[in-house]
Amino acid sequence: MRTEERRRIVSWCDKLFSVPSAGFGLEPHFASGSSLLDSLSPLLNKIAADTPTNITVEKNEPFAFEFSGDDGFKYGIDFHRVFVNFQHKMRFRSVSGGLPVGELLSSAQPYTTLLPTILDRLVEATLCLPRSKERHITRTGIVSTTDVDEKDLPPGLTRLITYFRRPWIDVTGGFSVNITGIVDNNDEHTDRCIHQIKKSDDQENTMLSVKLDWQRNYRKIKPITKDVLKEELERARRSALAYFEDVGEGNRFDEEILRSTTNS
């Protein structure tokens, strides 16, 4: 993606080091955890060869398997979805005569730098699924997760939180807001976004967790081929990032604009 496009589309996600995730919804197919591990073996070997890293199995259950590496990338597969996300990893090493020192194992990169890597890894993982050539994707999802101090929020999210606080004299404690809204609807698909904003009850903790879970549900399911997956992810990437920036700018939460739109 060109630098000027990245700055225009997701300036606040990059500035606040939001963390990306992406996934596909799938036609249901039940395979044991061991079968999923067997199907992922080529991918695991490739990861180990390309970037030597410790791999940790985080879930191995009937119909579900998840693993992660020290590089921060986490993969998950179950009977109806596959996803890749990113979580920073740290380790502590001992030092002589002092407290252990934390060391960041994963790479700290802006959202729009990490997202293409997430999408490429998602394609690789999806192609490894059991009976992938016989199955289809039903949904594409792209997520932005941000831990941020309230004073550093982009204006759109500040407006949204201010609006929800208005009925009360004082809202100094924690809160949790969860809104699912349709953002586009046409003959090919329906796009929606789940907006989650949470703040702790701890008065000394001013950090918020902001999660934007953008999803595209297909009216006609898509076959699992490399070309189709890449094309759908690129289309989803552009739509999701444009919506995230729209939320950050805040015009859709501007009461004067909403009032004029309603009255027109």
Protein backbone atom coordinates (compact mmCIF):
# COMPACT_ATOMS: atom_id res chain seq x y z
CA MET A 1 0.00 0.00 0.00
CA ARG A 2 1.31 3.47 -0.89
CA THR A 3 2.48 5.66 1.99
CA GLU A 4 0.07 8.51 1.17
CA GLU A 5 -2.87 6.06 1.06
CA ARG A 6 -1.92 4.61 4.44
CA ARG A 7 -1.71 8.07 6.03
CA ARG A 8 -5.05 9.08 4.58
CA ILE A 9 -6.95 5.94 5.55
CA VAL A 10 -5.81 4.91 9.02
CA SER A 11 -3.86 7.74 10.56
CA TRP A 12 -5.23 7.13 14.05
CA CYS A 13 -4.78 3.33 13.97
CA ASP A 14 -1.10 3.78 13.10
CA LYS A 15 -0.56 6.59 15.58
CA LEU A 16 -2.05 4.58 18.46
CA PHE A 17 -0.42 1.28 17.41
CA SER A 18 -3.70 -0.56 17.08
CA VAL A 19 -3.35 -4.33 16.75
CA PRO A 20 -4.83 -6.13 13.72
CA SER A 21 -6.69 -9.42 13.42
CA ALA A 22 -8.35 -11.07 10.43
CA GLY A 23 -10.37 -14.18 9.76
CA PHE A 24 -12.76 -16.10 7.56
CA GLY A 25 -16.10 -17.64 8.43
CA LEU A 26 -16.42 -21.08 6.85
CA GLU A 27 -18.94 -23.70 5.95
CA PRO A 28 -19.00 -26.06 8.95
CA HIS A 29 -16.69 -29.05 8.81
CA PHE A 30 -15.92 -31.16 11.87
CA ALA A 31 -12.36 -32.47 12.12
CA SER A 32 -10.52 -33.55 15.27
CA GLY A 33 -7.79 -31.41 16.80
CA SER A 34 -5.19 -33.96 15.67
CA SER A 35 -6.52 -33.80 12.09
CA LEU A 36 -6.27 -30.01 12.16
CA LEU A 37 -2.69 -30.30 13.43
CA ASP A 38 -1.83 -32.70 10.59
CA SER A 39 -3.28 -30.31 8.02
CA LEU A 40 -1.30 -27.40 9.49
CA SER A 41 1.98 -29.31 9.54
CA PRO A 42 3.29 -27.76 6.27
CA LEU A 43 2.48 -24.29 7.60
CA LEU A 44 4.21 -24.98 10.93
CA ASN A 45 7.31 -26.24 9.13
CA LYS A 46 7.33 -23.15 6.91
CA ILE A 47 7.04 -20.82 9.91
CA ALA A 48 9.88 -22.62 11.68
CA ALA A 49 12.07 -22.44 8.57
CA ASP A 50 11.36 -18.80 7.71
CA THR A 51 11.54 -17.34 11.22
CA PRO A 52 13.01 -19.60 13.90
CA THR A 53 10.64 -19.19 16.82
CA ASN A 54 9.22 -21.12 19.74
CA ILE A 55 5.73 -22.38 18.90
CA THR A 56 3.21 -22.76 21.71
CA VAL A 57 0.04 -24.83 21.36
CA GLU A 58 -2.65 -22.79 23.12
CA LYS A 59 -5.65 -24.99 22.37
CA ASN A 60 -5.99 -28.58 21.20
CA GLU A 61 -9.58 -29.63 21.64
CA PRO A 62 -12.15 -31.59 19.67
CA PHE A 63 -12.76 -29.56 16.50
CA ALA A 64 -10.38 -26.71 17.47
CA PHE A 65 -6.66 -25.97 17.37
CA GLU A 66 -4.72 -22.77 18.18
CA PHE A 67 -1.01 -21.98 18.32
CA SER A 68 1.25 -18.93 18.56
CA GLY A 69 4.91 -18.03 18.12
CA ASP A 70 7.28 -15.72 19.94
CA ASP A 71 6.96 -13.34 16.99
CA GLY A 72 3.43 -12.50 18.21
CA PHE A 73 1.34 -14.15 15.49
CA LYS A 74 -1.45 -16.43 16.66
CA TYR A 75 -3.44 -18.86 14.48
CA GLY A 76 -6.77 -20.47 15.26
CA ILE A 77 -8.98 -22.97 13.45
CA ASP A 78 -12.25 -24.58 14.44
CA PHE A 79 -15.19 -26.16 12.63
CA HIS A 80 -16.51 -22.90 11.19
CA ARG A 81 -13.74 -20.29 11.17
CA VAL A 82 -10.03 -19.60 10.76
CA PHE A 83 -8.23 -16.53 12.08
CA VAL A 84 -4.81 -14.93 12.53
CA ASN A 85 -4.15 -12.21 15.06
CA PHE A 86 -1.22 -10.46 16.67
CA GLN A 87 -0.34 -10.23 20.35
CA HIS A 88 2.89 -8.74 21.62
CA LYS A 89 5.12 -11.29 23.35
CA MET A 90 7.66 -10.54 26.07
CA ARG A 91 10.14 -12.53 28.10
CA PHE A 92 12.09 -11.65 31.20
CA ARG A 93 15.80 -12.26 31.49
CA SER A 94 17.87 -12.20 34.63
CA VAL A 95 20.49 -9.55 35.25
CA SER A 96 23.28 -9.59 37.78
CA GLY A 97 22.38 -7.85 41.02
CA GLY A 98 19.02 -6.52 39.83
CA LEU A 99 15.45 -7.28 38.93
CA PRO A 100 14.63 -9.22 35.76
CA VAL A 101 14.45 -7.08 32.63
CA GLY A 102 11.59 -7.33 30.18
CA GLU A 103 12.43 -7.94 26.53
CA LEU A 104 9.97 -7.51 23.66
CA LEU A 105 10.12 -10.55 21.38
CA SER A 106 7.56 -9.39 18.84
CA SER A 107 8.11 -6.47 16.51
CA ALA A 108 6.38 -3.15 17.30
CA GLN A 109 4.96 -2.00 13.96
CA PRO A 110 2.11 0.31 12.91
CA TYR A 111 -1.29 -1.19 12.16
CA THR A 112 -1.06 -0.80 8.39
CA THR A 113 2.36 -2.43 8.34
CA LEU A 114 1.22 -5.49 10.30
CA LEU A 115 -2.14 -5.95 8.59
CA PRO A 116 -0.83 -7.11 5.16
CA THR A 117 1.33 -9.71 6.94
CA ILE A 118 -1.73 -10.90 8.89
CA LEU A 119 -3.71 -11.24 5.65
CA ASP A 120 -0.94 -13.18 3.87
CA ARG A 121 -0.69 -15.57 6.81
CA LEU A 122 -4.46 -15.99 6.85
CA VAL A 123 -4.42 -17.07 3.19
CA GLU A 124 -1.69 -19.64 3.91
CA ALA A 125 -3.58 -21.04 6.90
CA THR A 126 -6.91 -21.23 5.05
CA LEU A 127 -5.39 -23.16 2.16
CA CYS A 128 -4.15 -25.74 4.69
CA LEU A 129 -7.63 -26.50 6.01
CA PRO A 130 -8.94 -30.05 5.78
CA ARG A 131 -10.89 -30.50 2.53
CA SER A 132 -10.29 -26.86 1.66
CA LYS A 133 -10.98 -27.42 -2.06
CA GLU A 134 -14.51 -28.60 -1.23
CA ARG A 135 -15.36 -25.79 1.18
CA HIS A 136 -16.33 -22.11 0.94
CA ILE A 137 -15.93 -18.91 2.93
CA THR A 138 -19.10 -17.24 4.18
CA ARG A 139 -17.63 -14.18 5.91
CA THR A 140 -14.49 -12.04 5.99
CA GLY A 141 -13.52 -10.10 9.09
CA ILE A 142 -10.88 -7.47 9.90
CA VAL A 143 -10.40 -6.18 13.44
CA SER A 144 -8.66 -3.23 15.04
CA THR A 145 -7.95 -3.42 18.79
CA THR A 146 -6.56 -0.37 20.57
CA ASP A 147 -5.55 0.30 24.17
CA VAL A 148 -5.53 4.07 24.56
CA ASP A 149 -5.78 6.83 27.15
CA GLU A 150 -9.10 8.63 26.85
CA LYS A 151 -7.39 11.97 26.16
CA ASP A 152 -5.69 10.44 23.09
CA LEU A 153 -8.86 9.12 21.46
CA PRO A 154 -9.61 10.22 17.90
CA PRO A 155 -12.43 12.81 17.79
CA GLY A 156 -15.08 10.43 16.50
CA LEU A 157 -14.74 8.03 19.41
CA THR A 158 -14.64 10.94 21.86
CA ARG A 159 -17.96 12.15 20.43
CA LEU A 160 -19.48 8.69 20.71
CA ILE A 161 -18.47 8.30 24.36
CA THR A 162 -19.64 11.83 25.18
CA TYR A 163 -23.02 11.08 23.63
CA PHE A 164 -23.52 7.96 25.76
CA ARG A 165 -22.53 9.80 28.94
CA ARG A 166 -25.07 12.60 28.45
CA PRO A 167 -28.08 11.15 30.37
CA TRP A 168 -26.12 11.06 33.64
CA ILE A 169 -24.81 13.88 35.84
CA ASP A 170 -21.45 12.20 36.30
CA VAL A 171 -19.90 9.10 34.77
CA THR A 172 -16.50 8.77 36.39
CA GLY A 173 -16.40 5.00 36.78
CA GLY A 174 -16.08 2.23 34.26
CA PHE A 175 -18.36 1.52 31.35
CA SER A 176 -18.84 -0.99 28.56
CA VAL A 177 -20.43 -0.07 25.22
CA ASN A 178 -21.23 -2.69 22.57
CA ILE A 179 -22.96 -1.64 19.35
CA THR A 180 -23.45 -3.66 16.17
CA GLY A 181 -24.36 -1.59 13.13
CA ILE A 182 -24.91 -2.30 9.42
CA VAL A 183 -22.52 -0.09 7.44
CA ASP A 184 -23.24 -1.31 3.89
CA ASN A 185 -25.83 -3.55 2.27
CA ASN A 186 -25.98 -4.54 -1.40
CA ASP A 187 -26.70 -7.50 -3.69
CA GLU A 188 -23.30 -9.10 -3.05
CA HIS A 189 -22.82 -8.74 0.70
CA THR A 190 -23.78 -7.08 3.96
CA ASP A 191 -21.09 -5.24 5.91
CA ARG A 192 -21.43 -4.66 9.63
CA CYS A 193 -19.16 -3.55 12.44
CA ILE A 194 -19.24 -4.48 16.11
CA HIS A 195 -18.01 -1.51 18.17
CA GLN A 196 -16.76 -2.37 21.67
CA ILE A 197 -15.46 0.29 24.06
CA LYS A 198 -14.55 -0.60 27.63
CA LYS A 199 -13.13 1.30 30.59
CA SER A 200 -12.14 -0.14 33.96
CA ASP A 201 -13.78 0.89 37.25
CA ASP A 202 -10.30 1.68 38.55
CA GLN A 203 -10.23 5.47 39.03
CA GLU A 204 -6.48 5.60 38.53
CA ASN A 205 -6.64 3.70 35.24
CA THR A 206 -7.51 6.10 32.41
CA MET A 207 -6.94 3.54 29.65
CA LEU A 208 -9.74 2.35 27.39
CA SER A 209 -9.99 -0.73 25.19
CA VAL A 210 -11.46 0.01 21.76
CA LYS A 211 -12.28 -2.86 19.42
CA LEU A 212 -13.74 -2.40 15.94
CA ASP A 213 -14.76 -5.77 14.48
CA TRP A 214 -15.63 -5.20 10.80
CA GLN A 215 -17.35 -8.11 9.02
CA ARG A 216 -18.48 -8.80 5.46
CA ASN A 217 -21.16 -11.51 5.14
CA TYR A 218 -21.52 -12.88 1.61
CA ARG A 219 -24.85 -13.53 -0.03
CA LYS A 220 -23.07 -15.95 -2.37
CA ILE A 221 -20.36 -17.99 -0.67
CA LYS A 222 -16.83 -17.96 -2.12
CA PRO A 223 -14.63 -20.97 -3.01
CA ILE A 224 -11.34 -21.43 -1.20
CA THR A 225 -8.67 -20.72 -3.77
CA LYS A 226 -5.57 -18.56 -3.40
CA ASP A 227 -6.74 -15.99 -5.95
CA VAL A 228 -10.22 -15.67 -4.49
CA LEU A 229 -8.93 -15.34 -0.91
CA LYS A 230 -6.44 -12.64 -1.87
CA GLU A 231 -9.01 -10.71 -3.90
CA GLU A 232 -11.64 -10.79 -1.14
CA LEU A 233 -9.13 -9.79 1.54
CA GLU A 234 -7.93 -6.84 -0.51
CA ARG A 235 -11.49 -5.64 -1.05
CA ALA A 236 -12.24 -6.13 2.63
CA ARG A 237 -9.05 -4.35 3.68
CA ARG A 238 -9.94 -1.22 1.75
CA SER A 239 -13.53 -1.14 3.01
CA ALA A 240 -12.60 -1.86 6.64
CA LEU A 241 -9.82 0.73 6.78
CA ALA A 242 -12.01 3.38 5.19
CA TYR A 243 -14.69 2.67 7.80
CA PHE A 244 -12.22 2.75 10.69
CA GLU A 245 -11.04 6.17 9.55
CA ASP A 246 -14.64 7.32 9.20
CA VAL A 247 -15.28 6.30 12.79
CA GLY A 248 -12.15 8.12 13.93
CA GLU A 249 -13.08 11.34 12.10
CA GLY A 250 -16.48 11.25 13.75
CA ASN A 251 -18.79 12.81 11.16
CA ARG A 252 -21.30 10.01 11.62
CA PHE A 253 -21.49 10.97 15.33
CA ASP A 254 -21.82 14.73 14.74
CA GLU A 255 -25.28 15.70 16.00
CA GLU A 256 -25.63 18.68 13.66
CA ILE A 257 -24.84 16.52 10.62
CA LEU A 258 -27.20 13.77 11.84
CA ARG A 259 -29.96 16.32 12.46
CA SER A 260 -29.61 17.86 9.02
CA THR A 261 -29.56 14.40 7.39
CA THR A 262 -32.71 13.37 9.27
CA ASN A 263 -34.55 16.57 8.34
CA SER A 264 -33.59 16.50 4.65
